[in-house]
């Protein structure tokens, strides 16, 4: 019986060690604007609150060299690799998001993010 229990404990610990938990950070949007069309496609620029700017900075410091997901209402809109951390210097940080929509739809998205009806999140990809 002791051998069976030891085997179960060992197999459970191996299974649990293989699971990685992703870090998720919710960000609050203070405002935004539609960026001028560019070669990278239409984008919206989101201005974060000061607290969220700090959270974004700390998140990017922890995940340099890794891919992350940027999500709006649990839908991935962007999956960049963090090459250099975004450093918080007491100023609002701005992040570009692919628009993929008309100007009116993009403005509606910005308004919903500011009001909290839509949620902007960052999620690490710790399973890589």
N, C-alpha and C. Protein backbone atom coordinates (compact mmCIF):
# COMPACT_ATOMS: atom_id res chain seq x y z
N UNK A 1 0.81 -1.19 0.00
CA UNK A 1 0.00 0.00 0.00
C UNK A 1 0.86 1.27 0.00
N UNK A 2 1.97 1.25 0.74
CA UNK A 2 2.85 2.42 0.78
C UNK A 2 3.43 2.71 -0.60
N UNK A 3 3.73 1.70 -1.36
CA UNK A 3 4.29 1.90 -2.69
C UNK A 3 3.27 2.57 -3.60
N UNK A 4 2.03 2.16 -3.53
CA UNK A 4 0.98 2.75 -4.36
C UNK A 4 0.79 4.21 -4.01
N UNK A 5 0.73 4.55 -2.73
CA UNK A 5 0.56 5.94 -2.31
C UNK A 5 1.74 6.78 -2.78
N UNK A 6 2.95 6.27 -2.63
CA UNK A 6 4.13 7.01 -3.07
C UNK A 6 4.10 7.25 -4.57
N UNK A 7 3.66 6.26 -5.32
CA UNK A 7 3.57 6.39 -6.77
C UNK A 7 2.54 7.44 -7.14
N UNK A 8 1.41 7.45 -6.48
CA UNK A 8 0.37 8.44 -6.76
C UNK A 8 0.85 9.85 -6.45
N UNK A 9 1.50 10.00 -5.34
CA UNK A 9 2.03 11.31 -4.97
C UNK A 9 3.05 11.77 -5.98
N UNK A 10 3.93 10.89 -6.40
CA UNK A 10 4.94 11.24 -7.38
C UNK A 10 4.31 11.62 -8.71
N UNK A 11 3.33 10.84 -9.17
CA UNK A 11 2.72 11.16 -10.45
C UNK A 11 1.92 12.45 -10.37
N UNK A 12 1.31 12.73 -9.24
CA UNK A 12 0.59 14.00 -9.09
C UNK A 12 1.56 15.16 -9.11
N UNK A 13 2.67 15.03 -8.43
CA UNK A 13 3.61 16.15 -8.39
C UNK A 13 4.20 16.40 -9.78
N UNK A 14 4.42 15.36 -10.54
CA UNK A 14 4.93 15.54 -11.90
C UNK A 14 3.88 16.24 -12.76
N UNK A 15 2.63 15.84 -12.65
CA UNK A 15 1.56 16.46 -13.42
C UNK A 15 1.41 17.93 -13.05
N UNK A 16 1.45 18.23 -11.76
CA UNK A 16 1.28 19.62 -11.33
C UNK A 16 2.45 20.48 -11.77
N UNK A 17 3.64 19.92 -11.77
CA UNK A 17 4.80 20.73 -12.15
C UNK A 17 4.76 21.10 -13.63
N UNK A 18 4.06 20.33 -14.44
CA UNK A 18 3.97 20.63 -15.87
C UNK A 18 2.98 21.74 -16.18
N UNK A 19 2.14 22.10 -15.21
CA UNK A 19 1.16 23.15 -15.44
C UNK A 19 1.74 24.50 -15.10
N UNK A 20 1.66 25.43 -16.01
CA UNK A 20 2.10 26.79 -15.75
C UNK A 20 0.88 27.69 -15.72
N UNK A 21 0.90 28.63 -14.83
CA UNK A 21 -0.23 29.55 -14.76
C UNK A 21 0.16 30.86 -15.42
N UNK A 22 -0.70 31.34 -16.25
CA UNK A 22 -0.45 32.60 -16.93
C UNK A 22 -0.76 33.75 -15.99
N UNK A 23 0.02 34.81 -16.09
CA UNK A 23 -0.25 36.02 -15.32
C UNK A 23 -1.15 36.90 -16.17
N UNK A 24 -2.20 37.42 -15.57
CA UNK A 24 -3.12 38.31 -16.27
C UNK A 24 -3.20 39.63 -15.51
N UNK A 25 -3.15 40.72 -16.25
CA UNK A 25 -3.26 42.05 -15.66
C UNK A 25 -4.36 42.80 -16.40
N UNK A 26 -5.33 43.32 -15.64
CA UNK A 26 -6.38 44.16 -16.23
C UNK A 26 -5.90 45.60 -16.22
N UNK A 27 -6.14 46.28 -17.34
CA UNK A 27 -5.71 47.66 -17.48
C UNK A 27 -6.92 48.56 -17.66
N UNK A 28 -6.85 49.76 -17.08
CA UNK A 28 -7.92 50.74 -17.23
C UNK A 28 -7.50 51.78 -18.26
N UNK A 29 -8.42 52.08 -19.15
CA UNK A 29 -8.17 53.01 -20.23
C UNK A 29 -8.75 54.38 -19.86
N UNK A 30 -7.91 55.42 -19.99
CA UNK A 30 -8.34 56.78 -19.68
C UNK A 30 -8.89 57.48 -20.91
N UNK A 31 -8.47 57.05 -22.08
CA UNK A 31 -8.91 57.68 -23.33
C UNK A 31 -8.23 57.00 -24.50
N UNK A 32 -8.48 57.54 -25.67
CA UNK A 32 -7.86 56.96 -26.85
C UNK A 32 -8.20 57.77 -28.08
N UNK A 33 -7.58 57.39 -29.17
CA UNK A 33 -7.83 58.07 -30.43
C UNK A 33 -7.53 57.11 -31.58
N UNK A 34 -8.06 57.42 -32.71
CA UNK A 34 -7.79 56.64 -33.91
C UNK A 34 -6.51 57.19 -34.51
N UNK A 35 -5.55 56.31 -34.74
CA UNK A 35 -4.26 56.73 -35.31
C UNK A 35 -4.41 56.94 -36.80
N UNK A 36 -3.57 57.78 -37.33
CA UNK A 36 -3.55 57.98 -38.78
C UNK A 36 -3.18 56.66 -39.44
N UNK A 37 -3.80 56.34 -40.57
CA UNK A 37 -3.46 55.10 -41.27
C UNK A 37 -1.96 55.04 -41.56
N UNK A 38 -1.41 53.85 -41.43
CA UNK A 38 0.02 53.68 -41.68
C UNK A 38 0.24 52.36 -42.42
N UNK A 39 1.49 52.08 -42.68
CA UNK A 39 1.81 50.84 -43.37
C UNK A 39 1.50 49.62 -42.50
N UNK A 40 1.36 49.82 -41.19
CA UNK A 40 1.02 48.73 -40.28
C UNK A 40 -0.49 48.52 -40.16
N UNK A 41 -1.26 49.28 -40.92
CA UNK A 41 -2.72 49.16 -40.87
C UNK A 41 -3.33 50.14 -39.89
N UNK A 42 -4.64 50.19 -39.89
CA UNK A 42 -5.34 51.10 -38.99
C UNK A 42 -5.16 50.66 -37.55
N UNK A 43 -4.98 51.64 -36.67
CA UNK A 43 -4.77 51.35 -35.26
C UNK A 43 -5.52 52.36 -34.40
N UNK A 44 -5.79 51.95 -33.19
CA UNK A 44 -6.26 52.90 -32.19
C UNK A 44 -5.17 52.99 -31.12
N UNK A 45 -4.98 54.18 -30.59
CA UNK A 45 -4.03 54.40 -29.50
C UNK A 45 -4.82 54.52 -28.22
N UNK A 46 -4.48 53.69 -27.25
CA UNK A 46 -5.17 53.72 -25.97
C UNK A 46 -4.27 54.37 -24.92
N UNK A 47 -4.81 55.34 -24.22
CA UNK A 47 -4.10 56.02 -23.14
C UNK A 47 -4.52 55.36 -21.83
N UNK A 48 -3.57 54.85 -21.09
CA UNK A 48 -3.87 54.16 -19.84
C UNK A 48 -3.89 55.14 -18.67
N UNK A 49 -4.60 54.78 -17.61
CA UNK A 49 -4.54 55.55 -16.39
C UNK A 49 -3.13 55.43 -15.82
N UNK A 50 -2.78 56.28 -14.88
CA UNK A 50 -1.43 56.22 -14.30
C UNK A 50 -1.19 54.88 -13.60
N UNK A 51 -2.19 54.39 -12.86
CA UNK A 51 -2.03 53.10 -12.18
C UNK A 51 -1.84 51.97 -13.19
N UNK A 52 -2.61 51.99 -14.26
CA UNK A 52 -2.47 50.95 -15.28
C UNK A 52 -1.17 51.10 -16.06
N UNK A 53 -0.70 52.32 -16.23
CA UNK A 53 0.59 52.54 -16.88
C UNK A 53 1.70 51.88 -16.05
N UNK A 54 1.62 52.04 -14.74
CA UNK A 54 2.59 51.41 -13.85
C UNK A 54 2.47 49.88 -13.92
N UNK A 55 1.22 49.38 -13.92
CA UNK A 55 1.00 47.93 -14.02
C UNK A 55 1.55 47.36 -15.33
N UNK A 56 1.33 48.08 -16.43
CA UNK A 56 1.86 47.65 -17.73
C UNK A 56 3.38 47.61 -17.70
N UNK A 57 3.99 48.63 -17.14
CA UNK A 57 5.44 48.69 -17.05
C UNK A 57 5.99 47.51 -16.25
N UNK A 58 5.42 47.25 -15.09
CA UNK A 58 5.88 46.15 -14.24
C UNK A 58 5.68 44.80 -14.93
N UNK A 59 4.57 44.65 -15.64
CA UNK A 59 4.29 43.42 -16.36
C UNK A 59 5.33 43.18 -17.45
N UNK A 60 5.66 44.23 -18.21
CA UNK A 60 6.63 44.06 -19.30
C UNK A 60 8.03 43.79 -18.76
N UNK A 61 8.36 44.34 -17.61
CA UNK A 61 9.67 44.05 -17.00
C UNK A 61 9.77 42.56 -16.67
N UNK A 62 8.69 41.97 -16.15
CA UNK A 62 8.69 40.55 -15.78
C UNK A 62 8.67 39.61 -16.98
N UNK A 63 8.30 40.13 -18.16
CA UNK A 63 8.11 39.24 -19.31
C UNK A 63 8.97 39.59 -20.52
N UNK A 64 10.11 40.23 -20.29
CA UNK A 64 11.04 40.54 -21.39
C UNK A 64 11.47 39.24 -22.07
N UNK A 65 11.45 39.25 -23.40
CA UNK A 65 11.85 38.08 -24.18
C UNK A 65 10.74 37.07 -24.39
N UNK A 66 9.54 37.38 -23.92
CA UNK A 66 8.42 36.44 -24.05
C UNK A 66 7.30 37.05 -24.88
N UNK A 67 6.49 36.17 -25.45
CA UNK A 67 5.27 36.61 -26.14
C UNK A 67 4.18 36.78 -25.10
N UNK A 68 3.35 37.78 -25.31
CA UNK A 68 2.18 37.99 -24.45
C UNK A 68 0.96 38.16 -25.33
N UNK A 69 -0.20 38.11 -24.73
CA UNK A 69 -1.44 38.38 -25.46
C UNK A 69 -2.06 39.65 -24.90
N UNK A 70 -2.57 40.48 -25.80
CA UNK A 70 -3.37 41.64 -25.43
C UNK A 70 -4.80 41.28 -25.80
N UNK A 71 -5.69 41.36 -24.82
CA UNK A 71 -7.06 40.92 -25.03
C UNK A 71 -8.05 42.05 -24.74
N UNK A 72 -9.10 42.08 -25.53
CA UNK A 72 -10.25 42.94 -25.24
C UNK A 72 -11.43 42.00 -25.10
N UNK A 73 -12.01 42.02 -23.90
CA UNK A 73 -13.12 41.10 -23.58
C UNK A 73 -12.77 39.65 -23.90
N UNK A 74 -11.60 39.22 -23.47
CA UNK A 74 -11.12 37.84 -23.61
C UNK A 74 -10.79 37.44 -25.05
N UNK A 75 -10.86 38.38 -26.00
CA UNK A 75 -10.50 38.11 -27.39
C UNK A 75 -9.11 38.66 -27.66
N UNK A 76 -8.22 37.82 -28.15
CA UNK A 76 -6.85 38.26 -28.43
C UNK A 76 -6.87 39.20 -29.63
N UNK A 77 -6.33 40.41 -29.43
CA UNK A 77 -6.26 41.38 -30.51
C UNK A 77 -4.82 41.61 -30.97
N UNK A 78 -3.86 41.15 -30.17
CA UNK A 78 -2.46 41.39 -30.47
C UNK A 78 -1.63 40.42 -29.64
N UNK A 79 -0.55 39.90 -30.20
CA UNK A 79 0.34 38.99 -29.47
C UNK A 79 1.79 39.38 -29.72
N UNK A 80 2.23 40.46 -29.08
CA UNK A 80 3.61 40.90 -29.32
C UNK A 80 4.62 40.15 -28.46
N UNK A 81 5.87 40.21 -28.88
CA UNK A 81 6.99 39.72 -28.08
C UNK A 81 7.56 40.95 -27.36
N UNK A 82 7.77 40.83 -26.06
CA UNK A 82 8.33 41.94 -25.29
C UNK A 82 9.85 41.91 -25.45
N UNK A 83 10.37 42.83 -26.24
CA UNK A 83 11.81 42.91 -26.47
C UNK A 83 12.46 43.78 -25.40
N UNK A 84 11.87 44.92 -25.14
CA UNK A 84 12.32 45.83 -24.09
C UNK A 84 11.12 46.19 -23.23
N UNK A 85 11.32 46.35 -21.94
CA UNK A 85 10.18 46.73 -21.10
C UNK A 85 9.74 48.16 -21.39
N UNK A 86 8.46 48.41 -21.23
CA UNK A 86 7.94 49.78 -21.29
C UNK A 86 8.12 50.36 -19.89
N UNK A 87 8.88 51.42 -19.79
CA UNK A 87 9.21 51.95 -18.47
C UNK A 87 8.29 53.09 -18.09
N UNK A 88 7.74 53.01 -16.90
CA UNK A 88 6.84 54.02 -16.37
C UNK A 88 7.66 55.16 -15.79
N UNK A 89 7.39 56.36 -16.25
CA UNK A 89 8.13 57.52 -15.75
C UNK A 89 7.18 58.57 -15.18
N UNK A 90 6.05 58.11 -14.66
CA UNK A 90 5.07 59.04 -14.10
C UNK A 90 4.13 59.60 -15.14
N UNK A 91 4.27 59.17 -16.38
CA UNK A 91 3.42 59.63 -17.47
C UNK A 91 2.52 58.49 -17.93
N UNK A 92 1.40 58.85 -18.53
CA UNK A 92 0.53 57.82 -19.11
C UNK A 92 1.26 57.10 -20.22
N UNK A 93 1.07 55.79 -20.28
CA UNK A 93 1.61 55.01 -21.39
C UNK A 93 0.51 54.82 -22.44
N UNK A 94 0.91 54.69 -23.68
CA UNK A 94 -0.01 54.52 -24.79
C UNK A 94 0.30 53.21 -25.48
N UNK A 95 -0.73 52.47 -25.82
CA UNK A 95 -0.50 51.22 -26.54
C UNK A 95 -1.33 51.21 -27.82
N UNK A 96 -0.72 50.76 -28.93
CA UNK A 96 -1.46 50.67 -30.18
C UNK A 96 -2.16 49.32 -30.29
N UNK A 97 -3.39 49.36 -30.75
CA UNK A 97 -4.19 48.15 -30.95
C UNK A 97 -4.67 48.16 -32.40
N UNK A 98 -4.57 47.03 -33.12
CA UNK A 98 -5.11 47.00 -34.49
C UNK A 98 -6.60 47.33 -34.47
N UNK A 99 -7.02 48.21 -35.35
CA UNK A 99 -8.42 48.63 -35.36
C UNK A 99 -9.31 47.56 -36.00
N UNK A 100 -9.01 47.20 -37.25
CA UNK A 100 -9.82 46.19 -37.93
C UNK A 100 -11.29 46.53 -37.97
N UNK A 101 -11.62 47.81 -37.93
CA UNK A 101 -13.01 48.23 -37.90
C UNK A 101 -13.12 49.63 -38.52
N UNK A 102 -14.34 50.08 -38.71
CA UNK A 102 -14.55 51.43 -39.21
C UNK A 102 -14.19 52.44 -38.13
N UNK A 103 -14.07 53.68 -38.52
CA UNK A 103 -13.77 54.73 -37.55
C UNK A 103 -14.81 54.81 -36.44
N UNK A 104 -16.08 54.69 -36.82
CA UNK A 104 -17.16 54.76 -35.81
C UNK A 104 -17.07 53.58 -34.85
N UNK A 105 -16.79 52.39 -35.38
CA UNK A 105 -16.67 51.21 -34.52
C UNK A 105 -15.45 51.33 -33.60
N UNK A 106 -14.37 51.88 -34.13
CA UNK A 106 -13.18 52.07 -33.30
C UNK A 106 -13.44 53.06 -32.18
N UNK A 107 -14.14 54.15 -32.48
CA UNK A 107 -14.48 55.13 -31.44
C UNK A 107 -15.40 54.50 -30.38
N UNK A 108 -16.31 53.67 -30.82
CA UNK A 108 -17.20 52.98 -29.88
C UNK A 108 -16.40 52.04 -28.98
N UNK A 109 -15.42 51.36 -29.54
CA UNK A 109 -14.55 50.48 -28.74
C UNK A 109 -13.80 51.28 -27.69
N UNK A 110 -13.25 52.42 -28.08
CA UNK A 110 -12.53 53.28 -27.14
C UNK A 110 -13.46 53.72 -26.02
N UNK A 111 -14.65 54.18 -26.37
CA UNK A 111 -15.62 54.65 -25.36
C UNK A 111 -16.00 53.53 -24.40
N UNK A 112 -16.18 52.32 -24.91
CA UNK A 112 -16.54 51.19 -24.05
C UNK A 112 -15.37 50.78 -23.14
N UNK A 113 -14.15 50.90 -23.64
CA UNK A 113 -12.98 50.61 -22.80
C UNK A 113 -12.85 51.64 -21.68
N UNK A 114 -13.07 52.91 -22.01
CA UNK A 114 -12.98 53.97 -21.00
C UNK A 114 -14.07 53.80 -19.94
N UNK A 115 -15.28 53.44 -20.36
CA UNK A 115 -16.39 53.29 -19.41
C UNK A 115 -16.32 51.98 -18.62
N UNK A 116 -15.48 51.05 -19.06
CA UNK A 116 -15.37 49.78 -18.36
C UNK A 116 -16.32 48.71 -18.89
N UNK A 117 -17.08 49.03 -19.95
CA UNK A 117 -17.98 48.04 -20.55
C UNK A 117 -17.20 46.95 -21.29
N UNK A 118 -16.00 47.30 -21.76
CA UNK A 118 -15.07 46.33 -22.34
C UNK A 118 -13.84 46.29 -21.43
N UNK A 119 -13.19 45.14 -21.38
CA UNK A 119 -12.04 44.96 -20.49
C UNK A 119 -10.79 44.73 -21.32
N UNK A 120 -9.75 45.50 -21.01
CA UNK A 120 -8.44 45.37 -21.64
C UNK A 120 -7.53 44.60 -20.68
N UNK A 121 -6.93 43.51 -21.16
CA UNK A 121 -6.06 42.69 -20.33
C UNK A 121 -4.78 42.34 -21.06
N UNK A 122 -3.75 42.07 -20.28
CA UNK A 122 -2.52 41.47 -20.77
C UNK A 122 -2.42 40.11 -20.15
N UNK A 123 -1.96 39.14 -20.91
CA UNK A 123 -1.80 37.80 -20.38
C UNK A 123 -0.47 37.23 -20.84
N UNK A 124 0.28 36.70 -19.88
CA UNK A 124 1.55 36.07 -20.24
C UNK A 124 1.26 34.74 -20.90
N UNK A 125 2.22 34.27 -21.63
CA UNK A 125 2.10 32.97 -22.29
C UNK A 125 3.12 32.04 -21.65
N UNK A 126 2.93 31.75 -20.38
CA UNK A 126 3.88 30.97 -19.61
C UNK A 126 3.93 29.52 -20.02
N UNK A 127 3.03 29.11 -20.87
CA UNK A 127 3.01 27.72 -21.32
C UNK A 127 4.01 27.48 -22.44
N UNK A 128 4.72 28.53 -22.91
CA UNK A 128 5.68 28.38 -24.01
C UNK A 128 6.87 27.57 -23.58
